[in-house]
PDB file of N, CA and C in Angstrom:
ATOM      1  N   MET A   1      35.049-120.051-192.248  1.00  0.00           N
ATOM      2  CA  MET A   1      35.512-120.255-190.887  1.00  0.00           C
ATOM      3  C   MET A   1      34.675-119.533-189.853  1.00  0.00           C
ATOM      4  N   ASN A   2      34.262-119.977-188.754  1.00  0.00           N
ATOM      5  CA  ASN A   2      33.561-119.358-187.809  1.00  0.00           C
ATOM      6  C   ASN A   2      34.533-118.573-186.811  1.00  0.00           C
ATOM      7  N   ASP A   3      34.345-117.217-186.765  1.00  0.00           N
ATOM      8  CA  ASP A   3      35.171-116.544-185.754  1.00  0.00           C
ATOM      9  C   ASP A   3      34.386-115.814-184.744  1.00  0.00           C
ATOM     10  N   ASN A   4      33.615-116.593-183.956  1.00  0.00           N
ATOM     11  CA  ASN A   4      32.558-116.077-183.102  1.00  0.00           C
ATOM     12  C   ASN A   4      33.014-115.800-181.642  1.00  0.00           C
ATOM     13  N   PHE A   5      34.349-115.992-181.218  1.00  0.00           N
ATOM     14  CA  PHE A   5      34.595-115.723-179.949  1.00  0.00           C
ATOM     15  C   PHE A   5      35.476-114.479-179.694  1.00  0.00           C
ATOM     16  N   LEU A   6      35.309-113.898-178.406  1.00  0.00           N
ATOM     17  CA  LEU A   6      36.015-112.793-177.835  1.00  0.00           C
ATOM     18  C   LEU A   6      36.503-113.123-176.572  1.00  0.00           C
ATOM     19  N   LEU A   7      37.776-113.215-176.220  1.00  0.00           N
ATOM     20  CA  LEU A   7      38.314-113.658-174.882  1.00  0.00           C
ATOM     21  C   LEU A   7      38.308-112.469-173.992  1.00  0.00           C
ATOM     22  N   ASP A   8      37.974-112.789-172.779  1.00  0.00           N
ATOM     23  CA  ASP A   8      38.146-111.789-171.637  1.00  0.00           C
ATOM     24  C   ASP A   8      39.667-111.933-171.279  1.00  0.00           C
ATOM     25  N   THR A   9      40.180-110.839-170.658  1.00  0.00           N
ATOM     26  CA  THR A   9      41.556-110.789-170.215  1.00  0.00           C
ATOM     27  C   THR A   9      41.924-112.016-169.300  1.00  0.00           C
ATOM     28  N   ASP A  10      41.107-112.365-168.482  1.00  0.00           N
ATOM     29  CA  ASP A  10      41.330-113.351-167.380  1.00  0.00           C
ATOM     30  C   ASP A  10      41.699-114.633-168.021  1.00  0.00           C
ATOM     31  N   ILE A  11      41.072-114.979-169.209  1.00  0.00           N
ATOM     32  CA  ILE A  11      41.467-116.386-169.831  1.00  0.00           C
ATOM     33  C   ILE A  11      42.933-116.351-170.253  1.00  0.00           C
ATOM     34  N   LEU A  12      43.479-115.234-170.835  1.00  0.00           N
ATOM     35  CA  LEU A  12      44.896-115.117-171.254  1.00  0.00           C
ATOM     36  C   LEU A  12      45.817-115.122-169.972  1.00  0.00           C
ATOM     37  N   VAL A  13      45.416-114.411-168.980  1.00  0.00           N
ATOM     38  CA  VAL A  13      46.173-114.266-167.684  1.00  0.00           C
ATOM     39  C   VAL A  13      46.273-115.736-167.170  1.00  0.00           C
ATOM     40  N   ASN A  14      45.248-116.457-167.093  1.00  0.00           N
ATOM     41  CA  ASN A  14      45.183-117.841-166.508  1.00  0.00           C
ATOM     42  C   ASN A  14      46.061-118.811-167.418  1.00  0.00           C
ATOM     43  N   VAL A  15      45.941-118.590-168.699  1.00  0.00           N
ATOM     44  CA  VAL A  15      46.928-119.479-169.540  1.00  0.00           C
ATOM     45  C   VAL A  15      48.409-119.076-169.366  1.00  0.00           C
ATOM     46  N   GLY A  16      48.692-117.845-169.118  1.00  0.00           N
ATOM     47  CA  GLY A  16      49.976-117.460-168.798  1.00  0.00           C
ATOM     48  C   GLY A  16      50.473-117.929-167.352  1.00  0.00           C
ATOM     49  N   ARG A  17      49.534-118.217-166.594  1.00  0.00           N
ATOM     50  CA  ARG A  17      49.774-118.763-165.296  1.00  0.00           C
ATOM     51  C   ARG A  17      49.913-120.261-165.187  1.00  0.00           C
ATOM     52  N   GLY A  18      49.647-120.871-166.328  1.00  0.00           N
ATOM     53  CA  GLY A  18      49.730-122.325-166.471  1.00  0.00           C
ATOM     54  C   GLY A  18      48.480-123.070-166.032  1.00  0.00           C
ATOM     55  N   ASP A  19      47.286-122.377-165.946  1.00  0.00           N
ATOM     56  CA  ASP A  19      46.074-123.050-165.605  1.00  0.00           C
ATOM     57  C   ASP A  19      45.594-123.958-166.553  1.00  0.00           C
ATOM     58  N   ALA A  20      45.506-125.289-166.192  1.00  0.00           N
ATOM     59  CA  ALA A  20      45.241-126.272-167.167  1.00  0.00           C
ATOM     60  C   ALA A  20      43.903-126.182-167.759  1.00  0.00           C
ATOM     61  N   ALA A  21      42.890-125.795-167.196  1.00  0.00           N
ATOM     62  CA  ALA A  21      41.514-125.578-167.660  1.00  0.00           C
ATOM     63  C   ALA A  21      41.558-124.561-168.762  1.00  0.00           C
ATOM     64  N   ALA A  22      42.133-123.362-168.475  1.00  0.00           N
ATOM     65  CA  ALA A  22      42.182-122.189-169.344  1.00  0.00           C
ATOM     66  C   ALA A  22      43.048-122.664-170.726  1.00  0.00           C
ATOM     67  N   ILE A  23      44.146-123.312-170.515  1.00  0.00           N
ATOM     68  CA  ILE A  23      44.990-123.740-171.602  1.00  0.00           C
ATOM     69  C   ILE A  23      44.027-124.686-172.518  1.00  0.00           C
ATOM     70  N   ALA A  24      43.476-125.694-171.901  1.00  0.00           N
ATOM     71  CA  ALA A  24      42.540-126.712-172.590  1.00  0.00           C
ATOM     72  C   ALA A  24      41.473-126.001-173.313  1.00  0.00           C
ATOM     73  N   GLN A  25      40.857-124.992-172.715  1.00  0.00           N
ATOM     74  CA  GLN A  25      39.739-124.222-173.385  1.00  0.00           C
ATOM     75  C   GLN A  25      40.243-123.531-174.493  1.00  0.00           C
ATOM     76  N   LEU A  26      41.259-122.766-174.379  1.00  0.00           N
ATOM     77  CA  LEU A  26      41.855-121.936-175.519  1.00  0.00           C
ATOM     78  C   LEU A  26      42.397-122.912-176.669  1.00  0.00           C
ATOM     79  N   SER A  27      43.096-123.847-176.290  1.00  0.00           N
ATOM     80  CA  SER A  27      43.549-124.826-177.272  1.00  0.00           C
ATOM     81  C   SER A  27      42.369-125.356-178.048  1.00  0.00           C
ATOM     82  N   ASP A  28      41.332-125.722-177.472  1.00  0.00           N
ATOM     83  CA  ASP A  28      40.153-126.330-178.176  1.00  0.00           C
ATOM     84  C   ASP A  28      39.581-125.304-179.207  1.00  0.00           C
ATOM     85  N   ILE A  29      39.530-124.009-178.748  1.00  0.00           N
ATOM     86  CA  ILE A  29      38.883-123.198-179.733  1.00  0.00           C
ATOM     87  C   ILE A  29      39.886-122.499-180.892  1.00  0.00           C
ATOM     88  N   MET A  30      41.223-122.474-180.414  1.00  0.00           N
ATOM     89  CA  MET A  30      42.100-121.968-181.290  1.00  0.00           C
ATOM     90  C   MET A  30      42.468-122.933-182.533  1.00  0.00           C
ATOM     91  N   THR A  31      41.935-124.199-182.410  1.00  0.00           N
ATOM     92  CA  THR A  31      42.187-125.239-183.566  1.00  0.00           C
ATOM     93  C   THR A  31      41.133-124.951-184.672  1.00  0.00           C
ATOM     94  N   VAL A  32      40.020-124.417-184.325  1.00  0.00           N
ATOM     95  CA  VAL A  32      39.010-124.224-185.354  1.00  0.00           C
ATOM     96  C   VAL A  32      38.470-122.778-185.476  1.00  0.00           C
ATOM     97  N   GLU A  33      38.948-121.899-184.632  1.00  0.00           N
ATOM     98  CA  GLU A  33      38.415-120.592-184.705  1.00  0.00           C
ATOM     99  C   GLU A  33      39.501-119.470-184.853  1.00  0.00           C
ATOM    100  N   ARG A  34      39.034-118.241-185.348  1.00  0.00           N
ATOM    101  CA  ARG A  34      39.945-117.045-185.304  1.00  0.00           C
ATOM    102  C   ARG A  34      39.321-116.424-184.074  1.00  0.00           C
ATOM    103  N   VAL A  35      40.212-116.405-183.080  1.00  0.00           N
ATOM    104  CA  VAL A  35      39.812-115.857-181.762  1.00  0.00           C
ATOM    105  C   VAL A  35      40.070-114.352-181.598  1.00  0.00           C
ATOM    106  N   HIS A  36      39.216-113.551-181.100  1.00  0.00           N
ATOM    107  CA  HIS A  36      39.395-112.157-180.960  1.00  0.00           C
ATOM    108  C   HIS A  36      39.575-111.778-179.465  1.00  0.00           C
ATOM    109  N   VAL A  37      40.133-110.579-179.246  1.00  0.00           N
ATOM    110  CA  VAL A  37      40.319-110.037-178.023  1.00  0.00           C
ATOM    111  C   VAL A  37      40.006-108.577-178.161  1.00  0.00           C
ATOM    112  N   SER A  38      39.534-107.916-177.222  1.00  0.00           N
ATOM    113  CA  SER A  38      39.362-106.333-177.177  1.00  0.00           C
ATOM    114  C   SER A  38      40.710-105.691-176.996  1.00  0.00           C
ATOM    115  N   ALA A  39      40.887-104.505-177.572  1.00  0.00           N
ATOM    116  CA  ALA A  39      41.901-103.698-177.392  1.00  0.00           C
ATOM    117  C   ALA A  39      41.985-103.383-176.034  1.00  0.00           C
ATOM    118  N   VAL A  40      41.059-103.421-175.172  1.00  0.00           N
ATOM    119  CA  VAL A  40      41.176-103.205-173.658  1.00  0.00           C
ATOM    120  C   VAL A  40      42.002-104.334-173.015  1.00  0.00           C
ATOM    121  N   THR A  41      41.674-105.649-173.502  1.00  0.00           N
ATOM    122  CA  THR A  41      42.514-106.766-173.022  1.00  0.00           C
ATOM    123  C   THR A  41      43.958-106.618-173.320  1.00  0.00           C
ATOM    124  N   GLU A  42      44.219-106.163-174.564  1.00  0.00           N
ATOM    125  CA  GLU A  42      45.713-105.981-174.910  1.00  0.00           C
ATOM    126  C   GLU A  42      46.277-105.006-173.996  1.00  0.00           C
ATOM    127  N   MET A  43      45.593-103.749-173.676  1.00  0.00           N
ATOM    128  CA  MET A  43      46.078-102.831-172.748  1.00  0.00           C
ATOM    129  C   MET A  43      46.306-103.337-171.330  1.00  0.00           C
ATOM    130  N   GLU A  44      45.358-104.083-170.863  1.00  0.00           N
ATOM    131  CA  GLU A  44      45.501-104.881-169.489  1.00  0.00           C
ATOM    132  C   GLU A  44      46.669-105.591-169.487  1.00  0.00           C
ATOM    133  N   LEU A  45      46.798-106.521-170.583  1.00  0.00           N
ATOM    134  CA  LEU A  45      47.989-107.360-170.427  1.00  0.00           C
ATOM    135  C   LEU A  45      49.311-106.602-170.520  1.00  0.00           C
ATOM    136  N   ILE A  46      49.448-105.478-171.362  1.00  0.00           N
ATOM    137  CA  ILE A  46      50.574-104.621-171.316  1.00  0.00           C
ATOM    138  C   ILE A  46      50.893-104.131-170.022  1.00  0.00           C
ATOM    139  N   VAL A  47      49.819-103.767-169.253  1.00  0.00           N
ATOM    140  CA  VAL A  47      50.143-103.061-167.918  1.00  0.00           C
ATOM    141  C   VAL A  47      50.677-104.163-167.040  1.00  0.00           C
ATOM    142  N   GLY A  48      50.267-105.380-167.245  1.00  0.00           N
ATOM    143  CA  GLY A  48      50.587-106.365-166.330  1.00  0.00           C
ATOM    144  C   GLY A  48      52.197-106.999-166.651  1.00  0.00           C
ATOM    145  N   CYS A  49      52.735-106.651-167.642  1.00  0.00           N
ATOM    146  CA  CYS A  49      54.125-107.010-167.946  1.00  0.00           C
ATOM    147  C   CYS A  49      55.155-106.297-167.061  1.00  0.00           C
ATOM    148  N   ARG A  50      55.941-107.023-166.557  1.00  0.00           N
ATOM    149  CA  ARG A  50      57.027-106.550-165.549  1.00  0.00           C
ATOM    150  C   ARG A  50      58.244-106.199-166.139  1.00  0.00           C
ATOM    151  N   ASN A  51      58.572-106.464-167.539  1.00  0.00           N
ATOM    152  CA  ASN A  51      59.813-106.081-168.080  1.00  0.00           C
ATOM    153  C   ASN A  51      59.771-106.328-169.640  1.00  0.00           C
ATOM    154  N   LYS A  52      60.752-105.909-170.219  1.00  0.00           N
ATOM    155  CA  LYS A  52      60.684-105.965-171.779  1.00  0.00           C
ATOM    156  C   LYS A  52      60.652-107.344-172.329  1.00  0.00           C
ATOM    157  N   SER A  53      61.208-108.450-171.668  1.00  0.00           N
ATOM    158  CA  SER A  53      61.124-109.723-172.153  1.00  0.00           C
ATOM    159  C   SER A  53      59.626-110.082-172.090  1.00  0.00           C
ATOM    160  N   GLU A  54      58.875-109.903-171.051  1.00  0.00           N
ATOM    161  CA  GLU A  54      57.541-110.161-170.943  1.00  0.00           C
ATOM    162  C   GLU A  54      56.700-109.419-172.026  1.00  0.00           C
ATOM    163  N   LEU A  55      57.036-108.230-172.303  1.00  0.00           N
ATOM    164  CA  LEU A  55      56.345-107.425-173.287  1.00  0.00           C
ATOM    165  C   LEU A  55      56.546-108.016-174.643  1.00  0.00           C
ATOM    166  N   ARG A  56      57.732-108.542-175.049  1.00  0.00           N
ATOM    167  CA  ARG A  56      58.013-109.203-176.287  1.00  0.00           C
ATOM    168  C   ARG A  56      57.250-110.388-176.312  1.00  0.00           C
ATOM    169  N   ASN A  57      57.135-111.277-175.255  1.00  0.00           N
ATOM    170  CA  ASN A  57      56.485-112.538-175.293  1.00  0.00           C
ATOM    171  C   ASN A  57      54.963-112.134-175.461  1.00  0.00           C
ATOM    172  N   LEU A  58      54.395-111.092-174.884  1.00  0.00           N
ATOM    173  CA  LEU A  58      53.104-110.757-175.055  1.00  0.00           C
ATOM    174  C   LEU A  58      52.781-110.396-176.468  1.00  0.00           C
ATOM    175  N   ALA A  59      53.725-109.686-177.151  1.00  0.00           N
ATOM    176  CA  ALA A  59      53.515-109.236-178.556  1.00  0.00           C
ATOM    177  C   ALA A  59      53.395-110.501-179.415  1.00  0.00           C
ATOM    178  N   LYS A  60      54.179-111.504-179.155  1.00  0.00           N
ATOM    179  CA  LYS A  60      54.136-112.790-179.882  1.00  0.00           C
ATOM    180  C   LYS A  60      52.813-113.467-179.599  1.00  0.00           C
ATOM    181  N   LEU A  61      52.312-113.561-178.378  1.00  0.00           N
ATOM    182  CA  LEU A  61      51.216-114.159-178.156  1.00  0.00           C
ATOM    183  C   LEU A  61      49.937-113.502-178.888  1.00  0.00           C
ATOM    184  N   LEU A  62      49.847-112.117-178.846  1.00  0.00           N
ATOM    185  CA  LEU A  62      48.814-111.374-179.313  1.00  0.00           C
ATOM    186  C   LEU A  62      48.849-111.471-180.797  1.00  0.00           C
ATOM    187  N   GLU A  63      49.783-112.006-181.486  1.00  0.00           N
ATOM    188  CA  GLU A  63      49.902-112.179-182.908  1.00  0.00           C
ATOM    189  C   GLU A  63      48.844-113.368-183.318  1.00  0.00           C
ATOM    190  N   ARG A  64      48.560-114.170-182.511  1.00  0.00           N
ATOM    191  CA  ARG A  64      47.711-115.284-182.645  1.00  0.00           C
ATOM    192  C   ARG A  64      46.197-114.830-182.581  1.00  0.00           C
ATOM    193  N   PHE A  65      45.925-113.574-182.198  1.00  0.00           N
ATOM    194  CA  PHE A  65      44.542-113.050-182.111  1.00  0.00           C
ATOM    195  C   PHE A  65      44.166-111.938-182.985  1.00  0.00           C
ATOM    196  N   VAL A  66      42.863-111.673-183.195  1.00  0.00           N
ATOM    197  CA  VAL A  66      42.367-110.450-183.822  1.00  0.00           C
ATOM    198  C   VAL A  66      41.961-109.575-182.678  1.00  0.00           C
ATOM    199  N   VAL A  67      42.655-108.310-182.711  1.00  0.00           N
ATOM    200  CA  VAL A  67      42.465-107.329-181.703  1.00  0.00           C
ATOM    201  C   VAL A  67      41.336-106.370-182.252  1.00  0.00           C
ATOM    202  N   VAL A  68      40.238-106.428-181.472  1.00  0.00           N
ATOM    203  CA  VAL A  68      39.037-105.597-181.877  1.00  0.00           C
ATOM    204  C   VAL A  68      39.270-104.155-181.325  1.00  0.00           C
ATOM    205  N   PRO A  69      39.459-103.203-182.190  1.00  0.00           N
ATOM    206  CA  PRO A  69      39.752-101.868-181.587  1.00  0.00           C
ATOM    207  C   PRO A  69      38.404-101.206-181.047  1.00  0.00           C
ATOM    208  N   LEU A  70      38.680-100.248-180.272  1.00  0.00           N
ATOM    209  CA  LEU A  70      37.427 -99.476-179.676  1.00  0.00           C
ATOM    210  C   LEU A  70      36.949 -98.612-180.749  1.00  0.00           C
ATOM    211  N   THR A  71      35.680 -98.498-180.908  1.00  0.00           N
ATOM    212  CA  THR A  71      34.922 -97.752-181.809  1.00  0.00           C
ATOM    213  C   THR A  71      34.077 -96.887-181.142  1.00  0.00           C
ATOM    214  N   PRO A  72      33.468 -95.831-181.787  1.00  0.00           N
ATOM    215  CA  PRO A  72      32.385 -95.122-181.234  1.00  0.00           C
ATOM    216  C   PRO A  72      31.091 -95.918-180.702  1.00  0.00           C
ATOM    217  N   GLU A  73      30.833 -96.961-181.469  1.00  0.00           N
ATOM    218  CA  GLU A  73      29.713 -97.838-181.013  1.00  0.00           C
ATOM    219  C   GLU A  73      30.004 -98.600-179.834  1.00  0.00           C
ATOM    220  N   ILE A  74      31.165 -99.022-179.739  1.00  0.00           N
ATOM    221  CA  ILE A  74      31.569 -99.867-178.563  1.00  0.00           C
ATOM    222  C   ILE A  74      31.547 -98.893-177.390  1.00  0.00           C
ATOM    223  N   THR A  75      32.151 -97.677-177.435  1.00  0.00           N
ATOM    224  CA  THR A  75      31.983 -96.741-176.389  1.00  0.00           C
ATOM    225  C   THR A  75      30.714 -96.364-175.902  1.00  0.00           C
ATOM    226  N   THR A  76      29.765 -96.163-176.969  1.00  0.00           N
ATOM    227  CA  THR A  76      28.427 -95.924-176.637  1.00  0.00           C
ATOM    228  C   THR A  76      27.682 -97.037-175.849  1.00  0.00           C
ATOM    229  N   THR A  77      27.961 -98.220-176.385  1.00  0.00           N
ATOM    230  CA  THR A  77      27.201 -99.393-175.768  1.00  0.00           C
ATOM    231  C   THR A  77      27.885 -99.614-174.236  1.00  0.00           C
ATOM    232  N   SER A  78      29.196 -99.482-174.230  1.00  0.00           N
ATOM    233  CA  SER A  78      29.752 -99.516-172.759  1.00  0.00           C
ATOM    234  C   SER A  78      29.355 -98.540-171.897  1.00  0.00           C
ATOM    235  N   ILE A  79      29.032 -97.389-172.275  1.00  0.00           N
ATOM    236  CA  ILE A  79      28.389 -96.314-171.481  1.00  0.00           C
ATOM    237  C   ILE A  79      26.995 -96.735-171.022  1.00  0.00           C
ATOM    238  N   THR A  80      26.230 -97.252-171.953  1.00  0.00           N
ATOM    239  CA  THR A  80      24.876 -97.697-171.726  1.00  0.00           C
ATOM    240  C   THR A  80      24.991 -99.007-170.625  1.00  0.00           C
ATOM    241  N   LEU A  81      25.913 -99.867-170.937  1.00  0.00           N
ATOM    242  CA  LEU A  81      26.079-101.050-169.863  1.00  0.00           C
ATOM    243  C   LEU A  81      26.334-100.381-168.387  1.00  0.00           C
ATOM    244  N   LEU A  82      27.256 -99.490-168.446  1.00  0.00           N
ATOM    245  CA  LEU A  82      27.807 -98.929-167.118  1.00  0.00           C
ATOM    246  C   LEU A  82      26.417 -98.174-166.411  1.00  0.00           C
ATOM    247  N   LYS A  83      25.678 -97.435-167.152  1.00  0.00           N
ATOM    248  CA  LYS A  83      24.486 -96.830-166.652  1.00  0.00           C
ATOM    249  C   LYS A  83      23.443 -97.943-166.132  1.00  0.00           C
ATOM    250  N   THR A  84      23.469 -99.135-166.764  1.00  0.00           N
ATOM    251  CA  THR A  84      22.537-100.000-166.414  1.00  0.00           C
ATOM    252  C   THR A  84      22.969-100.953-165.208  1.00  0.00           C
ATOM    253  N   TYR A  85      24.307-101.206-165.255  1.00  0.00           N
ATOM    254  CA  TYR A  85      24.789-102.221-164.293  1.00  0.00           C
ATOM    255  C   TYR A  85      25.848-101.800-163.364  1.00  0.00           C
ATOM    256  N   ARG A  86      26.209-100.572-163.409  1.00  0.00           N
ATOM    257  CA  ARG A  86      27.377-100.161-162.497  1.00  0.00           C
ATOM    258  C   ARG A  86      26.946-100.345-160.956  1.00  0.00           C
ATOM    259  N   LEU A  87      25.760 -99.668-160.722  1.00  0.00           N
ATOM    260  CA  LEU A  87      25.191 -99.786-159.245  1.00  0.00           C
ATOM    261  C   LEU A  87      24.639-101.090-158.829  1.00  0.00           C
ATOM    262  N   SER A  88      24.031-101.813-159.698  1.00  0.00           N
ATOM    263  CA  SER A  88      23.292-102.971-159.368  1.00  0.00           C
ATOM    264  C   SER A  88      24.286-104.204-159.344  1.00  0.00           C
ATOM    265  N   HIS A  89      25.336-104.196-160.278  1.00  0.00           N
ATOM    266  CA  HIS A  89      26.276-105.413-160.480  1.00  0.00           C
ATOM    267  C   HIS A  89      27.668-104.979-160.189  1.00  0.00           C
ATOM    268  N   GLY A  90      28.005-103.664-159.918  1.00  0.00           N
ATOM    269  CA  GLY A  90      29.354-103.247-159.749  1.00  0.00           C
ATOM    270  C   GLY A  90      30.284-103.358-160.971  1.00  0.00           C
ATOM    271  N   LEU A  91      29.671-103.199-162.152  1.00  0.00           N
ATOM    272  CA  LEU A  91      30.255-103.327-163.412  1.00  0.00           C
ATOM    273  C   LEU A  91      31.523-102.185-163.531  1.00  0.00           C
ATOM    274  N   LEU A  92      32.687-102.614-163.915  1.00  0.00           N
ATOM    275  CA  LEU A  92      33.863-101.786-164.013  1.00  0.00           C
ATOM    276  C   LEU A  92      33.947-101.233-165.494  1.00  0.00           C
ATOM    277  N   ILE A  93      34.662-100.231-165.677  1.00  0.00           N
ATOM    278  CA  ILE A  93      34.918 -99.670-167.021  1.00  0.00           C
ATOM    279  C   ILE A  93      35.538-100.723-167.946  1.00  0.00           C
ATOM    280  N   ALA A  94      36.626-101.287-167.604  1.00  0.00           N
ATOM    281  CA  ALA A  94      37.377-102.247-168.588  1.00  0.00           C
ATOM    282  C   ALA A  94      36.231-103.417-168.830  1.00  0.00           C
ATOM    283  N   ASP A  95      35.622-103.975-167.883  1.00  0.00           N
ATOM    284  CA  ASP A  95      34.705-105.048-168.055  1.00  0.00           C
ATOM    285  C   ASP A  95      33.469-104.453-169.189  1.00  0.00           C
ATOM    286  N   ALA A  96      33.114-103.254-168.907  1.00  0.00           N
ATOM    287  CA  ALA A  96      31.992-102.815-169.721  1.00  0.00           C
ATOM    288  C   ALA A  96      32.539-102.676-171.198  1.00  0.00           C
ATOM    289  N   LEU A  97      33.811-102.194-171.325  1.00  0.00           N
ATOM    290  CA  LEU A  97      34.248-102.091-172.732  1.00  0.00           C
ATOM    291  C   LEU A  97      34.552-103.421-173.345  1.00  0.00           C
ATOM    292  N   ILE A  98      34.940-104.439-172.643  1.00  0.00           N
ATOM    293  CA  ILE A  98      35.298-105.654-173.271  1.00  0.00           C
ATOM    294  C   ILE A  98      33.790-106.376-173.678  1.00  0.00           C
ATOM    295  N   ALA A  99      32.777-106.179-172.756  1.00  0.00           N
ATOM    296  CA  ALA A  99      31.520-106.791-172.875  1.00  0.00           C
ATOM    297  C   ALA A  99      30.846-106.097-174.214  1.00  0.00           C
ATOM    298  N   ALA A 100      30.968-104.705-174.279  1.00  0.00           N
ATOM    299  CA  ALA A 100      30.513-103.933-175.355  1.00  0.00           C
ATOM    300  C   ALA A 100      31.194-104.336-176.656  1.00  0.00           C
ATOM    301  N   SER A 101      32.411-104.765-176.651  1.00  0.00           N
ATOM    302  CA  SER A 101      33.217-105.193-177.761  1.00  0.00           C
ATOM    303  C   SER A 101      32.637-106.462-178.297  1.00  0.00           C
ATOM    304  N   ALA A 102      32.237-107.420-177.355  1.00  0.00           N
ATOM    305  CA  ALA A 102      31.599-108.724-177.716  1.00  0.00           C
ATOM    306  C   ALA A 102      30.336-108.402-178.359  1.00  0.00           C
ATOM    307  N   LEU A 103      29.421-107.580-177.690  1.00  0.00           N
ATOM    308  CA  LEU A 103      28.106-107.250-178.072  1.00  0.00           C
ATOM    309  C   LEU A 103      28.010-106.687-179.475  1.00  0.00           C
ATOM    310  N   VAL A 104      28.773-105.668-179.720  1.00  0.00           N
ATOM    311  CA  VAL A 104      28.780-104.852-180.920  1.00  0.00           C
ATOM    312  C   VAL A 104      29.323-105.710-182.042  1.00  0.00           C
ATOM    313  N   THR A 105      30.288-106.502-181.847  1.00  0.00           N
ATOM    314  CA  THR A 105      30.821-107.415-182.893  1.00  0.00           C
ATOM    315  C   THR A 105      30.093-108.698-183.095  1.00  0.00           C
ATOM    316  N   ASP A 106      29.056-108.956-182.265  1.00  0.00           N
ATOM    317  CA  ASP A 106      28.213-110.196-182.251  1.00  0.00           C
ATOM    318  C   ASP A 106      29.032-111.311-182.047  1.00  0.00           C
ATOM    319  N   ARG A 107      29.905-111.295-180.989  1.00  0.00           N
ATOM    320  CA  ARG A 107      30.709-112.439-180.615  1.00  0.00           C
ATOM    321  C   ARG A 107      30.495-112.943-179.230  1.00  0.00           C
ATOM    322  N   VAL A 108      30.684-114.250-178.960  1.00  0.00           N
ATOM    323  CA  VAL A 108      30.422-114.887-177.613  1.00  0.00           C
ATOM    324  C   VAL A 108      31.645-114.491-176.828  1.00  0.00           C
ATOM    325  N   LEU A 109      31.380-113.904-175.698  1.00  0.00           N
ATOM    326  CA  LEU A 109      32.414-113.589-174.619  1.00  0.00           C
ATOM    327  C   LEU A 109      32.757-114.749-173.715  1.00  0.00           C
ATOM    328  N   LEU A 110      33.999-115.200-173.866  1.00  0.00           N
ATOM    329  CA  LEU A 110      34.468-116.225-173.039  1.00  0.00           C
ATOM    330  C   LEU A 110      35.299-115.718-172.031  1.00  0.00           C
ATOM    331  N   SER A 111      34.766-115.954-170.649  1.00  0.00           N
ATOM    332  CA  SER A 111      35.466-115.406-169.539  1.00  0.00           C
ATOM    333  C   SER A 111      35.517-116.495-168.421  1.00  0.00           C
ATOM    334  N   GLY A 112      36.581-116.562-167.615  1.00  0.00           N
ATOM    335  CA  GLY A 112      36.599-117.358-166.488  1.00  0.00           C
ATOM    336  C   GLY A 112      36.113-116.764-165.278  1.00  0.00           C
ATOM    337  N   ASN A 113      35.434-115.582-165.344  1.00  0.00           N
ATOM    338  CA  ASN A 113      34.860-114.809-164.237  1.00  0.00           C
ATOM    339  C   ASN A 113      33.463-114.478-164.604  1.00  0.00           C
ATOM    340  N   ALA A 114      32.489-115.288-164.365  1.00  0.00           N
ATOM    341  CA  ALA A 114      31.121-115.156-164.743  1.00  0.00           C
ATOM    342  C   ALA A 114      30.523-113.860-163.867  1.00  0.00           C
ATOM    343  N   LYS A 115      31.098-113.760-162.689  1.00  0.00           N
ATOM    344  CA  LYS A 115      30.581-112.666-161.837  1.00  0.00           C
ATOM    345  C   LYS A 115      30.728-111.439-162.482  1.00  0.00           C
ATOM    346  N   HIS A 116      31.771-111.083-163.236  1.00  0.00           N
ATOM    347  CA  HIS A 116      31.908-109.758-163.879  1.00  0.00           C
ATOM    348  C   HIS A 116      30.937-109.503-164.942  1.00  0.00           C
ATOM    349  N   PHE A 117      30.350-110.617-165.466  1.00  0.00           N
ATOM    350  CA  PHE A 117      29.498-110.473-166.744  1.00  0.00           C
ATOM    351  C   PHE A 117      28.130-111.013-166.457  1.00  0.00           C
ATOM    352  N   ARG A 118      27.770-111.297-165.311  1.00  0.00           N
ATOM    353  CA  ARG A 118      26.357-111.838-165.164  1.00  0.00           C
ATOM    354  C   ARG A 118      25.379-110.855-165.548  1.00  0.00           C
TER     355      ARG A 118
END
């Protein structure tokens, strides 16, 4: 089985909002892939929960994904990305960590926001 994808947070946020394109994209890859998310994505989604019910629903959703933990290599890579792209592209910490998670684990990053990762 190929498990080549790592989702950006915005894909799951858009799915939660009922965005048809995001739902279709996720449905297509979930049928044939083990899909990964960064621990940073899990943290961002937790912060977005407004109550315990949403937190429980999020926990159920995240059971469908492999969460990639932050490692020293991911941290080092994200710092390199920030040094390289912070000033020229406005790269933010969370996006650097998510991009580094994809790079270090050799996965394709799927994002609905190409501007963050150009």
